[in-house]
């Protein structure tokens, strides 16, 4: 799995093509977050696993795929790739994946004027 994630980082960072005329390959990350923590939980919970899928198309545009498909920003670094969803409230949700496939998903949600933060831990392939 580490090799697949590392190859995806290289393709995202370089565009996956030698010449500008070649189309960039589509990258797909399927994530399972089976550990969860929030102010309401007493330690790490394993209830209600969360799944996310992210796709980066041939133009470099990133999308989260679930019940709907919506655009997200992608930030590619030399140690991780992060998908950033900007919510209408001004809060954000982020998913960061390292080359080994380990991942963290952070929700900074605001409901009825209150912060409802939570964080999930898992893996992506």
PDB file of N, CA and C in Angstrom:
ATOM      1  N   UNK A   1       0.831  -1.190   0.000  1.00  0.00           N
ATOM      2  CA  UNK A   1       0.000   0.000   0.000  1.00  0.00           C
ATOM      3  C   UNK A   1       0.875   1.253   0.000  1.00  0.00           C
ATOM      4  N   UNK A   2       1.983   1.215   0.738  1.00  0.00           N
ATOM      5  CA  UNK A   2       2.851   2.391   0.805  1.00  0.00           C
ATOM      6  C   UNK A   2       3.312   2.801  -0.582  1.00  0.00           C
ATOM      7  N   UNK A   3       3.663   1.822  -1.416  1.00  0.00           N
ATOM      8  CA  UNK A   3       4.135   2.118  -2.764  1.00  0.00           C
ATOM      9  C   UNK A   3       3.082   2.781  -3.621  1.00  0.00           C
ATOM     10  N   UNK A   4       1.832   2.350  -3.474  1.00  0.00           N
ATOM     11  CA  UNK A   4       0.741   2.933  -4.258  1.00  0.00           C
ATOM     12  C   UNK A   4       0.517   4.383  -3.860  1.00  0.00           C
ATOM     13  N   UNK A   5       0.476   4.645  -2.550  1.00  0.00           N
ATOM     14  CA  UNK A   5       0.271   6.019  -2.077  1.00  0.00           C
ATOM     15  C   UNK A   5       1.450   6.889  -2.486  1.00  0.00           C
ATOM     16  N   UNK A   6       2.669   6.380  -2.348  1.00  0.00           N
ATOM     17  CA  UNK A   6       3.850   7.148  -2.737  1.00  0.00           C
ATOM     18  C   UNK A   6       3.833   7.458  -4.230  1.00  0.00           C
ATOM     19  N   UNK A   7       3.445   6.480  -5.043  1.00  0.00           N
ATOM     20  CA  UNK A   7       3.345   6.710  -6.491  1.00  0.00           C
ATOM     21  C   UNK A   7       2.299   7.772  -6.794  1.00  0.00           C
ATOM     22  N   UNK A   8       1.193   7.760  -6.061  1.00  0.00           N
ATOM     23  CA  UNK A   8       0.153   8.771  -6.263  1.00  0.00           C
ATOM     24  C   UNK A   8       0.690  10.161  -5.933  1.00  0.00           C
ATOM     25  N   UNK A   9       1.495  10.283  -4.858  1.00  0.00           N
ATOM     26  CA  UNK A   9       2.104  11.571  -4.523  1.00  0.00           C
ATOM     27  C   UNK A   9       2.981  12.063  -5.659  1.00  0.00           C
ATOM     28  N   UNK A  10       3.808  11.176  -6.191  1.00  0.00           N
ATOM     29  CA  UNK A  10       4.707  11.550  -7.284  1.00  0.00           C
ATOM     30  C   UNK A  10       3.901  12.000  -8.491  1.00  0.00           C
ATOM     31  N   UNK A  11       2.848  11.253  -8.833  1.00  0.00           N
ATOM     32  CA  UNK A  11       2.024  11.626  -9.988  1.00  0.00           C
ATOM     33  C   UNK A  11       1.320  12.956  -9.767  1.00  0.00           C
ATOM     34  N   UNK A  12       0.807  13.183  -8.554  1.00  0.00           N
ATOM     35  CA  UNK A  12       0.150  14.462  -8.274  1.00  0.00           C
ATOM     36  C   UNK A  12       1.145  15.611  -8.352  1.00  0.00           C
ATOM     37  N   UNK A  13       2.321  15.414  -7.793  1.00  0.00           N
ATOM     38  CA  UNK A  13       3.313  16.488  -7.751  1.00  0.00           C
ATOM     39  C   UNK A  13       3.889  16.808  -9.125  1.00  0.00           C
ATOM     40  N   UNK A  14       4.064  15.787  -9.956  1.00  0.00           N
ATOM     41  CA  UNK A  14       4.699  16.006 -11.257  1.00  0.00           C
ATOM     42  C   UNK A  14       3.707  16.100 -12.395  1.00  0.00           C
ATOM     43  N   UNK A  15       2.465  15.801 -12.120  1.00  0.00           N
ATOM     44  CA  UNK A  15       1.476  15.793 -13.188  1.00  0.00           C
ATOM     45  C   UNK A  15       1.446  14.469 -13.918  1.00  0.00           C
ATOM     46  N   UNK A  16       2.351  13.560 -13.587  1.00  0.00           N
ATOM     47  CA  UNK A  16       2.333  12.216 -14.134  1.00  0.00           C
ATOM     48  C   UNK A  16       2.673  12.112 -15.605  1.00  0.00           C
ATOM     49  N   UNK A  17       3.136  13.180 -16.217  1.00  0.00           N
ATOM     50  CA  UNK A  17       3.419  13.144 -17.648  1.00  0.00           C
ATOM     51  C   UNK A  17       4.797  13.723 -17.914  1.00  0.00           C
ATOM     52  N   UNK A  18       5.467  13.171 -18.901  1.00  0.00           N
ATOM     53  CA  UNK A  18       6.774  13.691 -19.300  1.00  0.00           C
ATOM     54  C   UNK A  18       6.583  14.918 -20.167  1.00  0.00           C
ATOM     55  N   UNK A  19       5.677  14.841 -21.116  1.00  0.00           N
ATOM     56  CA  UNK A  19       5.410  15.965 -22.001  1.00  0.00           C
ATOM     57  C   UNK A  19       4.094  16.630 -21.645  1.00  0.00           C
ATOM     58  N   UNK A  20       3.994  17.912 -21.915  1.00  0.00           N
ATOM     59  CA  UNK A  20       2.779  18.647 -21.592  1.00  0.00           C
ATOM     60  C   UNK A  20       1.583  18.142 -22.378  1.00  0.00           C
ATOM     61  N   UNK A  21       1.835  17.468 -23.527  1.00  0.00           N
ATOM     62  CA  UNK A  21       0.731  17.012 -24.362  1.00  0.00           C
ATOM     63  C   UNK A  21       0.031  15.772 -23.803  1.00  0.00           C
ATOM     64  N   UNK A  22       0.663  15.066 -22.872  1.00  0.00           N
ATOM     65  CA  UNK A  22       0.055  13.864 -22.302  1.00  0.00           C
ATOM     66  C   UNK A  22      -0.947  14.236 -21.224  1.00  0.00           C
ATOM     67  N   UNK A  23      -2.073  13.523 -21.203  1.00  0.00           N
ATOM     68  CA  UNK A  23      -3.083  13.760 -20.173  1.00  0.00           C
ATOM     69  C   UNK A  23      -2.584  13.213 -18.840  1.00  0.00           C
ATOM     70  N   UNK A  24      -2.906  13.910 -17.775  1.00  0.00           N
ATOM     71  CA  UNK A  24      -2.537  13.451 -16.442  1.00  0.00           C
ATOM     72  C   UNK A  24      -3.483  12.323 -16.039  1.00  0.00           C
ATOM     73  N   UNK A  25      -2.972  11.323 -15.328  1.00  0.00           N
ATOM     74  CA  UNK A  25      -3.847  10.227 -14.900  1.00  0.00           C
ATOM     75  C   UNK A  25      -4.764  10.669 -13.762  1.00  0.00           C
ATOM     76  N   UNK A  26      -5.900  10.028 -13.669  1.00  0.00           N
ATOM     77  CA  UNK A  26      -6.827  10.280 -12.567  1.00  0.00           C
ATOM     78  C   UNK A  26      -6.293   9.565 -11.331  1.00  0.00           C
ATOM     79  N   UNK A  27      -6.276  10.258 -10.211  1.00  0.00           N
ATOM     80  CA  UNK A  27      -5.845   9.676  -8.942  1.00  0.00           C
ATOM     81  C   UNK A  27      -7.063   9.492  -8.050  1.00  0.00           C
ATOM     82  N   UNK A  28      -7.114   8.372  -7.337  1.00  0.00           N
ATOM     83  CA  UNK A  28      -8.259   8.076  -6.474  1.00  0.00           C
ATOM     84  C   UNK A  28      -7.741   7.617  -5.119  1.00  0.00           C
ATOM     85  N   UNK A  29      -8.295   8.183  -4.058  1.00  0.00           N
ATOM     86  CA  UNK A  29      -7.965   7.808  -2.689  1.00  0.00           C
ATOM     87  C   UNK A  29      -9.257   7.374  -2.009  1.00  0.00           C
ATOM     88  N   UNK A  30      -9.306   6.142  -1.535  1.00  0.00           N
ATOM     89  CA  UNK A  30     -10.467   5.629  -0.803  1.00  0.00           C
ATOM     90  C   UNK A  30     -10.026   5.465   0.647  1.00  0.00           C
ATOM     91  N   UNK A  31     -10.710   6.165   1.547  1.00  0.00           N
ATOM     92  CA  UNK A  31     -10.283   6.228   2.944  1.00  0.00           C
ATOM     93  C   UNK A  31     -11.322   5.624   3.877  1.00  0.00           C
ATOM     94  N   UNK A  32     -10.841   4.889   4.869  1.00  0.00           N
ATOM     95  CA  UNK A  32     -11.681   4.340   5.931  1.00  0.00           C
ATOM     96  C   UNK A  32     -11.138   4.857   7.251  1.00  0.00           C
ATOM     97  N   UNK A  33     -11.974   5.581   7.971  1.00  0.00           N
ATOM     98  CA  UNK A  33     -11.608   6.120   9.277  1.00  0.00           C
ATOM     99  C   UNK A  33     -12.380   5.334  10.332  1.00  0.00           C
ATOM    100  N   UNK A  34     -11.662   4.500  11.083  1.00  0.00           N
ATOM    101  CA  UNK A  34     -12.322   3.621  12.046  1.00  0.00           C
ATOM    102  C   UNK A  34     -12.103   4.039  13.498  1.00  0.00           C
ATOM    103  N   UNK A  35     -11.423   5.155  13.706  1.00  0.00           N
ATOM    104  CA  UNK A  35     -11.236   5.695  15.053  1.00  0.00           C
ATOM    105  C   UNK A  35     -11.708   7.145  15.051  1.00  0.00           C
ATOM    106  N   UNK A  36     -12.377   7.559  16.129  1.00  0.00           N
ATOM    107  CA  UNK A  36     -13.001   8.882  16.177  1.00  0.00           C
ATOM    108  C   UNK A  36     -12.841   9.464  17.574  1.00  0.00           C
ATOM    109  N   UNK A  37     -12.606  10.767  17.629  1.00  0.00           N
ATOM    110  CA  UNK A  37     -12.563  11.457  18.916  1.00  0.00           C
ATOM    111  C   UNK A  37     -13.202  12.833  18.753  1.00  0.00           C
ATOM    112  N   UNK A  38     -13.925  13.256  19.773  1.00  0.00           N
ATOM    113  CA  UNK A  38     -14.542  14.584  19.795  1.00  0.00           C
ATOM    114  C   UNK A  38     -14.710  14.978  21.259  1.00  0.00           C
ATOM    115  N   UNK A  39     -15.073  16.234  21.529  1.00  0.00           N
ATOM    116  CA  UNK A  39     -15.266  16.641  22.924  1.00  0.00           C
ATOM    117  C   UNK A  39     -16.337  15.814  23.644  1.00  0.00           C
ATOM    118  N   UNK A  40     -17.265  15.227  22.889  1.00  0.00           N
ATOM    119  CA  UNK A  40     -18.341  14.446  23.499  1.00  0.00           C
ATOM    120  C   UNK A  40     -17.940  13.005  23.809  1.00  0.00           C
ATOM    121  N   UNK A  41     -16.832  12.529  23.245  1.00  0.00           N
ATOM    122  CA  UNK A  41     -16.423  11.145  23.486  1.00  0.00           C
ATOM    123  C   UNK A  41     -15.419  11.087  24.624  1.00  0.00           C
ATOM    124  N   UNK A  42     -15.416   9.979  25.325  1.00  0.00           N
ATOM    125  CA  UNK A  42     -14.453   9.752  26.396  1.00  0.00           C
ATOM    126  C   UNK A  42     -13.341   8.887  25.827  1.00  0.00           C
ATOM    127  N   UNK A  43     -12.365   9.512  25.200  1.00  0.00           N
ATOM    128  CA  UNK A  43     -11.301   8.776  24.536  1.00  0.00           C
ATOM    129  C   UNK A  43     -11.681   8.453  23.103  1.00  0.00           C
ATOM    130  N   UNK A  44     -10.927   7.549  22.500  1.00  0.00           N
ATOM    131  CA  UNK A  44     -11.147   7.193  21.101  1.00  0.00           C
ATOM    132  C   UNK A  44     -12.282   6.197  20.992  1.00  0.00           C
ATOM    133  N   UNK A  45     -13.193   6.463  20.071  1.00  0.00           N
ATOM    134  CA  UNK A  45     -14.339   5.590  19.815  1.00  0.00           C
ATOM    135  C   UNK A  45     -14.123   4.849  18.503  1.00  0.00           C
ATOM    136  N   UNK A  46     -14.603   3.618  18.450  1.00  0.00           N
ATOM    137  CA  UNK A  46     -14.534   2.825  17.221  1.00  0.00           C
ATOM    138  C   UNK A  46     -15.919   2.661  16.608  1.00  0.00           C
ATOM    139  N   UNK A  47     -16.903   3.402  17.119  1.00  0.00           N
ATOM    140  CA  UNK A  47     -18.267   3.335  16.592  1.00  0.00           C
ATOM    141  C   UNK A  47     -18.382   4.175  15.327  1.00  0.00           C
ATOM    142  N   UNK A  48     -19.288   3.821  14.488  1.00  0.00           N
ATOM    143  CA  UNK A  48     -19.633   4.587  13.284  1.00  0.00           C
ATOM    144  C   UNK A  48     -18.423   4.933  12.417  1.00  0.00           C
ATOM    145  N   UNK A  49     -17.785   3.938  11.792  1.00  0.00           N
ATOM    146  CA  UNK A  49     -16.676   4.242  10.879  1.00  0.00           C
ATOM    147  C   UNK A  49     -17.125   5.191   9.765  1.00  0.00           C
ATOM    148  N   UNK A  50     -16.207   5.973   9.291  1.00  0.00           N
ATOM    149  CA  UNK A  50     -16.476   6.981   8.270  1.00  0.00           C
ATOM    150  C   UNK A  50     -15.655   6.644   7.032  1.00  0.00           C
ATOM    151  N   UNK A  51     -16.270   6.734   5.860  1.00  0.00           N
ATOM    152  CA  UNK A  51     -15.529   6.512   4.617  1.00  0.00           C
ATOM    153  C   UNK A  51     -15.592   7.769   3.762  1.00  0.00           C
ATOM    154  N   UNK A  52     -14.494   8.041   3.096  1.00  0.00           N
ATOM    155  CA  UNK A  52     -14.405   9.157   2.160  1.00  0.00           C
ATOM    156  C   UNK A  52     -13.659   8.679   0.931  1.00  0.00           C
ATOM    157  N   UNK A  53     -14.002   9.256  -0.197  1.00  0.00           N
ATOM    158  CA  UNK A  53     -13.258   8.998  -1.428  1.00  0.00           C
ATOM    159  C   UNK A  53     -12.917  10.343  -2.047  1.00  0.00           C
ATOM    160  N   UNK A  54     -11.686  10.470  -2.490  1.00  0.00           N
ATOM    161  CA  UNK A  54     -11.234  11.681  -3.159  1.00  0.00           C
ATOM    162  C   UNK A  54     -10.688  11.306  -4.522  1.00  0.00           C
ATOM    163  N   UNK A  55     -10.990  12.130  -5.513  1.00  0.00           N
ATOM    164  CA  UNK A  55     -10.517  11.917  -6.872  1.00  0.00           C
ATOM    165  C   UNK A  55      -9.885  13.207  -7.368  1.00  0.00           C
ATOM    166  N   UNK A  56      -8.730  13.072  -8.007  1.00  0.00           N
ATOM    167  CA  UNK A  56      -8.092  14.206  -8.672  1.00  0.00           C
ATOM    168  C   UNK A  56      -8.125  13.876 -10.156  1.00  0.00           C
ATOM    169  N   UNK A  57      -8.830  14.712 -10.936  1.00  0.00           N
ATOM    170  CA  UNK A  57      -9.003  14.409 -12.363  1.00  0.00           C
ATOM    171  C   UNK A  57      -7.758  14.786 -13.165  1.00  0.00           C
ATOM    172  N   UNK A  58      -7.810  14.549 -14.453  1.00  0.00           N
ATOM    173  CA  UNK A  58      -6.673  14.795 -15.332  1.00  0.00           C
ATOM    174  C   UNK A  58      -6.252  16.249 -15.440  1.00  0.00           C
ATOM    175  N   UNK A  59      -7.117  17.177 -14.988  1.00  0.00           N
ATOM    176  CA  UNK A  59      -6.769  18.599 -15.024  1.00  0.00           C
ATOM    177  C   UNK A  59      -6.205  19.091 -13.699  1.00  0.00           C
ATOM    178  N   UNK A  60      -6.169  18.205 -12.687  1.00  0.00           N
ATOM    179  CA  UNK A  60      -5.682  18.601 -11.373  1.00  0.00           C
ATOM    180  C   UNK A  60      -6.778  19.046 -10.431  1.00  0.00           C
ATOM    181  N   UNK A  61      -8.034  19.052 -10.885  1.00  0.00           N
ATOM    182  CA  UNK A  61      -9.156  19.407 -10.025  1.00  0.00           C
ATOM    183  C   UNK A  61      -9.465  18.239  -9.095  1.00  0.00           C
ATOM    184  N   UNK A  62      -9.739  18.535  -7.821  1.00  0.00           N
ATOM    185  CA  UNK A  62     -10.009  17.494  -6.833  1.00  0.00           C
ATOM    186  C   UNK A  62     -11.477  17.523  -6.429  1.00  0.00           C
ATOM    187  N   UNK A  63     -12.000  16.336  -6.153  1.00  0.00           N
ATOM    188  CA  UNK A  63     -13.399  16.181  -5.764  1.00  0.00           C
ATOM    189  C   UNK A  63     -13.511  15.171  -4.634  1.00  0.00           C
ATOM    190  N   UNK A  64     -14.426  15.426  -3.713  1.00  0.00           N
ATOM    191  CA  UNK A  64     -14.811  14.436  -2.713  1.00  0.00           C
ATOM    192  C   UNK A  64     -16.025  13.715  -3.284  1.00  0.00           C
ATOM    193  N   UNK A  65     -16.049  12.402  -3.123  1.00  0.00           N
ATOM    194  CA  UNK A  65     -17.124  11.591  -3.679  1.00  0.00           C
ATOM    195  C   UNK A  65     -17.814  10.880  -2.528  1.00  0.00           C
ATOM    196  N   UNK A  66     -19.119  11.048  -2.451  1.00  0.00           N
ATOM    197  CA  UNK A  66     -19.928  10.396  -1.427  1.00  0.00           C
ATOM    198  C   UNK A  66     -21.340  10.327  -1.940  1.00  0.00           C
ATOM    199  N   UNK A  67     -22.282  10.786  -1.137  1.00  0.00           N
ATOM    200  CA  UNK A  67     -23.665  10.882  -1.612  1.00  0.00           C
ATOM    201  C   UNK A  67     -23.754  11.870  -2.761  1.00  0.00           C
ATOM    202  N   UNK A  68     -22.885  12.846  -2.743  1.00  0.00           N
ATOM    203  CA  UNK A  68     -22.756  13.833  -3.818  1.00  0.00           C
ATOM    204  C   UNK A  68     -21.288  13.904  -4.219  1.00  0.00           C
ATOM    205  N   UNK A  69     -21.025  14.619  -5.285  1.00  0.00           N
ATOM    206  CA  UNK A  69     -19.654  14.909  -5.697  1.00  0.00           C
ATOM    207  C   UNK A  69     -19.484  16.416  -5.578  1.00  0.00           C
ATOM    208  N   UNK A  70     -18.464  16.850  -4.838  1.00  0.00           N
ATOM    209  CA  UNK A  70     -18.260  18.281  -4.665  1.00  0.00           C
ATOM    210  C   UNK A  70     -16.769  18.598  -4.727  1.00  0.00           C
ATOM    211  N   UNK A  71     -16.451  19.790  -5.222  1.00  0.00           N
ATOM    212  CA  UNK A  71     -15.039  20.159  -5.371  1.00  0.00           C
ATOM    213  C   UNK A  71     -14.373  20.412  -4.020  1.00  0.00           C
ATOM    214  N   UNK A  72     -13.111  20.040  -3.936  1.00  0.00           N
ATOM    215  CA  UNK A  72     -12.276  20.327  -2.775  1.00  0.00           C
ATOM    216  C   UNK A  72     -10.930  20.824  -3.291  1.00  0.00           C
ATOM    217  N   UNK A  73     -10.196  21.491  -2.433  1.00  0.00           N
ATOM    218  CA  UNK A  73      -8.839  21.900  -2.810  1.00  0.00           C
ATOM    219  C   UNK A  73      -7.884  20.781  -2.442  1.00  0.00           C
ATOM    220  N   UNK A  74      -6.846  20.631  -3.223  1.00  0.00           N
ATOM    221  CA  UNK A  74      -5.820  19.638  -2.918  1.00  0.00           C
ATOM    222  C   UNK A  74      -4.495  20.362  -2.716  1.00  0.00           C
ATOM    223  N   UNK A  75      -3.798  19.993  -1.645  1.00  0.00           N
ATOM    224  CA  UNK A  75      -2.488  20.550  -1.330  1.00  0.00           C
ATOM    225  C   UNK A  75      -1.513  19.376  -1.302  1.00  0.00           C
ATOM    226  N   UNK A  76      -0.539  19.401  -2.206  1.00  0.00           N
ATOM    227  CA  UNK A  76       0.429  18.308  -2.314  1.00  0.00           C
ATOM    228  C   UNK A  76       1.776  18.788  -1.792  1.00  0.00           C
ATOM    229  N   UNK A  77       2.310  18.062  -0.828  1.00  0.00           N
ATOM    230  CA  UNK A  77       3.629  18.380  -0.292  1.00  0.00           C
ATOM    231  C   UNK A  77       4.555  17.187  -0.424  1.00  0.00           C
ATOM    232  N   UNK A  78       5.743  17.304   0.140  1.00  0.00           N
ATOM    233  CA  UNK A  78       6.692  16.193   0.047  1.00  0.00           C
ATOM    234  C   UNK A  78       6.482  15.143   1.138  1.00  0.00           C
ATOM    235  N   UNK A  79       5.561  15.398   2.085  1.00  0.00           N
ATOM    236  CA  UNK A  79       5.299  14.432   3.148  1.00  0.00           C
ATOM    237  C   UNK A  79       3.831  14.067   3.291  1.00  0.00           C
ATOM    238  N   UNK A  80       2.960  14.726   2.543  1.00  0.00           N
ATOM    239  CA  UNK A  80       1.529  14.432   2.658  1.00  0.00           C
ATOM    240  C   UNK A  80       0.762  15.093   1.522  1.00  0.00           C
ATOM    241  N   UNK A  81      -0.454  14.620   1.343  1.00  0.00           N
ATOM    242  CA  UNK A  81      -1.414  15.282   0.466  1.00  0.00           C
ATOM    243  C   UNK A  81      -2.635  15.586   1.331  1.00  0.00           C
ATOM    244  N   UNK A  82      -3.178  16.794   1.186  1.00  0.00           N
ATOM    245  CA  UNK A  82      -4.324  17.212   1.987  1.00  0.00           C
ATOM    246  C   UNK A  82      -5.450  17.645   1.067  1.00  0.00           C
ATOM    247  N   UNK A  83      -6.652  17.204   1.410  1.00  0.00           N
ATOM    248  CA  UNK A  83      -7.861  17.638   0.725  1.00  0.00           C
ATOM    249  C   UNK A  83      -8.605  18.556   1.679  1.00  0.00           C
ATOM    250  N   UNK A  84      -8.987  19.734   1.193  1.00  0.00           N
ATOM    251  CA  UNK A  84      -9.582  20.778   2.019  1.00  0.00           C
ATOM    252  C   UNK A  84     -10.952  21.140   1.479  1.00  0.00           C
ATOM    253  N   UNK A  85     -11.959  20.981   2.330  1.00  0.00           N
ATOM    254  CA  UNK A  85     -13.328  21.357   1.966  1.00  0.00           C
ATOM    255  C   UNK A  85     -13.687  22.625   2.730  1.00  0.00           C
ATOM    256  N   UNK A  86     -14.059  23.660   1.996  1.00  0.00           N
ATOM    257  CA  UNK A  86     -14.469  24.919   2.607  1.00  0.00           C
ATOM    258  C   UNK A  86     -15.987  24.918   2.720  1.00  0.00           C
ATOM    259  N   UNK A  87     -16.498  25.041   3.943  1.00  0.00           N
ATOM    260  CA  UNK A  87     -17.936  25.010   4.183  1.00  0.00           C
ATOM    261  C   UNK A  87     -18.534  26.408   4.076  1.00  0.00           C
ATOM    262  N   UNK A  88     -19.823  26.479   3.824  1.00  0.00           N
ATOM    263  CA  UNK A  88     -20.514  27.765   3.700  1.00  0.00           C
ATOM    264  C   UNK A  88     -20.396  28.588   4.980  1.00  0.00           C
ATOM    265  N   UNK A  89     -20.248  27.928   6.120  1.00  0.00           N
ATOM    266  CA  UNK A  89     -20.139  28.619   7.406  1.00  0.00           C
ATOM    267  C   UNK A  89     -18.801  29.331   7.574  1.00  0.00           C
ATOM    268  N   UNK A  90     -17.824  28.989   6.728  1.00  0.00           N
ATOM    269  CA  UNK A  90     -16.474  29.517   6.878  1.00  0.00           C
ATOM    270  C   UNK A  90     -15.550  28.529   7.567  1.00  0.00           C
ATOM    271  N   UNK A  91     -16.116  27.475   8.110  1.00  0.00           N
ATOM    272  CA  UNK A  91     -15.311  26.411   8.719  1.00  0.00           C
ATOM    273  C   UNK A  91     -14.771  25.508   7.609  1.00  0.00           C
ATOM    274  N   UNK A  92     -13.842  24.641   7.963  1.00  0.00           N
ATOM    275  CA  UNK A  92     -13.254  23.729   6.982  1.00  0.00           C
ATOM    276  C   UNK A  92     -13.263  22.294   7.513  1.00  0.00           C
ATOM    277  N   UNK A  93     -13.157  21.372   6.570  1.00  0.00           N
ATOM    278  CA  UNK A  93     -12.904  19.972   6.880  1.00  0.00           C
ATOM    279  C   UNK A  93     -11.675  19.574   6.079  1.00  0.00           C
ATOM    280  N   UNK A  94     -10.748  18.877   6.711  1.00  0.00           N
ATOM    281  CA  UNK A  94      -9.524  18.490   6.021  1.00  0.00           C
ATOM    282  C   UNK A  94      -9.280  16.995   6.161  1.00  0.00           C
ATOM    283  N   UNK A  95      -8.674  16.442   5.137  1.00  0.00           N
ATOM    284  CA  UNK A  95      -8.195  15.061   5.185  1.00  0.00           C
ATOM    285  C   UNK A  95      -6.747  15.080   4.720  1.00  0.00           C
ATOM    286  N   UNK A  96      -5.849  14.598   5.568  1.00  0.00           N
ATOM    287  CA  UNK A  96      -4.430  14.558   5.243  1.00  0.00           C
ATOM    288  C   UNK A  96      -3.976  13.103   5.216  1.00  0.00           C
ATOM    289  N   UNK A  97      -3.256  12.739   4.144  1.00  0.00           N
ATOM    290  CA  UNK A  97      -2.807  11.366   3.931  1.00  0.00           C
ATOM    291  C   UNK A  97      -1.287  11.374   3.784  1.00  0.00           C
ATOM    292  N   UNK A  98      -0.604  10.496   4.533  1.00  0.00           N
ATOM    293  CA  UNK A  98       0.851  10.410   4.380  1.00  0.00           C
ATOM    294  C   UNK A  98       1.207   9.309   3.379  1.00  0.00           C
ATOM    295  N   UNK A  99       2.477   9.215   2.967  1.00  0.00           N
ATOM    296  CA  UNK A  99       2.860   8.229   1.951  1.00  0.00           C
ATOM    297  C   UNK A  99       2.608   6.774   2.348  1.00  0.00           C
ATOM    298  N   UNK A 100       2.494   6.492   3.645  1.00  0.00           N
ATOM    299  CA  UNK A 100       2.203   5.130   4.096  1.00  0.00           C
ATOM    300  C   UNK A 100       0.713   4.807   4.048  1.00  0.00           C
ATOM    301  N   UNK A 101      -0.124   5.794   3.718  1.00  0.00           N
ATOM    302  CA  UNK A 101      -1.561   5.578   3.661  1.00  0.00           C
ATOM    303  C   UNK A 101      -2.284   5.909   4.947  1.00  0.00           C
ATOM    304  N   UNK A 102      -1.549   6.266   5.996  1.00  0.00           N
ATOM    305  CA  UNK A 102      -2.213   6.679   7.237  1.00  0.00           C
ATOM    306  C   UNK A 102      -2.848   8.039   6.998  1.00  0.00           C
ATOM    307  N   UNK A 103      -4.022   8.247   7.623  1.00  0.00           N
ATOM    308  CA  UNK A 103      -4.759   9.476   7.335  1.00  0.00           C
ATOM    309  C   UNK A 103      -5.478   9.996   8.569  1.00  0.00           C
ATOM    310  N   UNK A 104      -5.720  11.298   8.552  1.00  0.00           N
ATOM    311  CA  UNK A 104      -6.512  11.947   9.589  1.00  0.00           C
ATOM    312  C   UNK A 104      -7.523  12.858   8.899  1.00  0.00           C
ATOM    313  N   UNK A 105      -8.770  12.816   9.376  1.00  0.00           N
ATOM    314  CA  UNK A 105      -9.843  13.657   8.844  1.00  0.00           C
ATOM    315  C   UNK A 105     -10.326  14.532   9.990  1.00  0.00           C
ATOM    316  N   UNK A 106     -10.254  15.850   9.816  1.00  0.00           N
ATOM    317  CA  UNK A 106     -10.654  16.797  10.854  1.00  0.00           C
ATOM    318  C   UNK A 106     -11.863  17.587  10.392  1.00  0.00           C
ATOM    319  N   UNK A 107     -12.869  17.600  11.238  1.00  0.00           N
ATOM    320  CA  UNK A 107     -14.082  18.379  10.958  1.00  0.00           C
ATOM    321  C   UNK A 107     -14.139  19.556  11.917  1.00  0.00           C
ATOM    322  N   UNK A 108     -14.278  20.734  11.362  1.00  0.00           N
ATOM    323  CA  UNK A 108     -14.420  21.955  12.156  1.00  0.00           C
ATOM    324  C   UNK A 108     -15.797  22.518  11.829  1.00  0.00           C
ATOM    325  N   UNK A 109     -16.808  21.875  12.354  1.00  0.00           N
ATOM    326  CA  UNK A 109     -18.193  22.195  12.013  1.00  0.00           C
ATOM    327  C   UNK A 109     -18.759  23.215  12.990  1.00  0.00           C
ATOM    328  N   UNK A 110     -19.643  24.080  12.484  1.00  0.00           N
ATOM    329  CA  UNK A 110     -20.368  25.028  13.328  1.00  0.00           C
ATOM    330  C   UNK A 110     -21.855  24.771  13.120  1.00  0.00           C
ATOM    331  N   UNK A 111     -22.551  24.392  14.200  1.00  0.00           N
ATOM    332  CA  UNK A 111     -23.995  24.154  14.151  1.00  0.00           C
ATOM    333  C   UNK A 111     -24.678  25.023  15.192  1.00  0.00           C
ATOM    334  N   UNK A 112     -25.654  25.794  14.762  1.00  0.00           N
ATOM    335  CA  UNK A 112     -26.413  26.664  15.662  1.00  0.00           C
ATOM    336  C   UNK A 112     -25.494  27.554  16.500  1.00  0.00           C
ATOM    337  N   UNK A 113     -24.423  28.055  15.865  1.00  0.00           N
ATOM    338  CA  UNK A 113     -23.509  28.961  16.532  1.00  0.00           C
ATOM    339  C   UNK A 113     -22.493  28.290  17.444  1.00  0.00           C
ATOM    340  N   UNK A 114     -22.502  26.961  17.497  1.00  0.00           N
ATOM    341  CA  UNK A 114     -21.578  26.218  18.362  1.00  0.00           C
ATOM    342  C   UNK A 114     -20.577  25.432  17.523  1.00  0.00           C
ATOM    343  N   UNK A 115     -19.350  25.369  18.012  1.00  0.00           N
ATOM    344  CA  UNK A 115     -18.360  24.511  17.370  1.00  0.00           C
ATOM    345  C   UNK A 115     -18.675  23.057  17.697  1.00  0.00           C
ATOM    346  N   UNK A 116     -18.565  22.210  16.687  1.00  0.00           N
ATOM    347  CA  UNK A 116     -18.727  20.768  16.852  1.00  0.00           C
ATOM    348  C   UNK A 116     -17.509  20.109  16.192  1.00  0.00           C
ATOM    349  N   UNK A 117     -16.341  20.189  16.854  1.00  0.00           N
ATOM    350  CA  UNK A 117     -15.136  19.628  16.249  1.00  0.00           C
ATOM    351  C   UNK A 117     -15.075  18.116  16.437  1.00  0.00           C
ATOM    352  N   UNK A 118     -14.438  17.450  15.499  1.00  0.00           N
ATOM    353  CA  UNK A 118     -14.193  16.014  15.640  1.00  0.00           C
ATOM    354  C   UNK A 118     -13.011  15.639  14.762  1.00  0.00           C
ATOM    355  N   UNK A 119     -12.410  14.526  15.110  1.00  0.00           N
ATOM    356  CA  UNK A 119     -11.261  14.064  14.345  1.00  0.00           C
ATOM    357  C   UNK A 119     -11.343  12.548  14.202  1.00  0.00           C
ATOM    358  N   UNK A 120     -11.012  12.086  12.990  1.00  0.00           N
ATOM    359  CA  UNK A 120     -11.063  10.665  12.668  1.00  0.00           C
ATOM    360  C   UNK A 120      -9.676  10.220  12.219  1.00  0.00           C
ATOM    361  N   UNK A 121      -9.344   8.969  12.535  1.00  0.00           N
ATOM    362  CA  UNK A 121      -8.055   8.393  12.154  1.00  0.00           C
ATOM    363  C   UNK A 121      -8.289   7.104  11.383  1.00  0.00           C
ATOM    364  N   UNK A 122      -7.494   6.870  10.355  1.00  0.00           N
ATOM    365  CA  UNK A 122      -7.659   5.655   9.575  1.00  0.00           C
ATOM    366  C   UNK A 122      -6.608   5.537   8.496  1.00  0.00           C
ATOM    367  N   UNK A 123      -7.003   4.895   7.391  1.00  0.00           N
ATOM    368  CA  UNK A 123      -6.078   4.659   6.285  1.00  0.00           C
ATOM    369  C   UNK A 123      -6.762   4.923   4.950  1.00  0.00           C
ATOM    370  N   UNK A 124      -5.941   5.201   3.956  1.00  0.00           N
ATOM    371  CA  UNK A 124      -6.429   5.411   2.589  1.00  0.00           C
ATOM    372  C   UNK A 124      -5.630   4.518   1.652  1.00  0.00           C
ATOM    373  N   UNK A 125      -6.284   4.078   0.599  1.00  0.00           N
ATOM    374  CA  UNK A 125      -5.626   3.264  -0.436  1.00  0.00           C
ATOM    375  C   UNK A 125      -5.775   3.962  -1.763  1.00  0.00           C
TER     376      UNK A 125
END
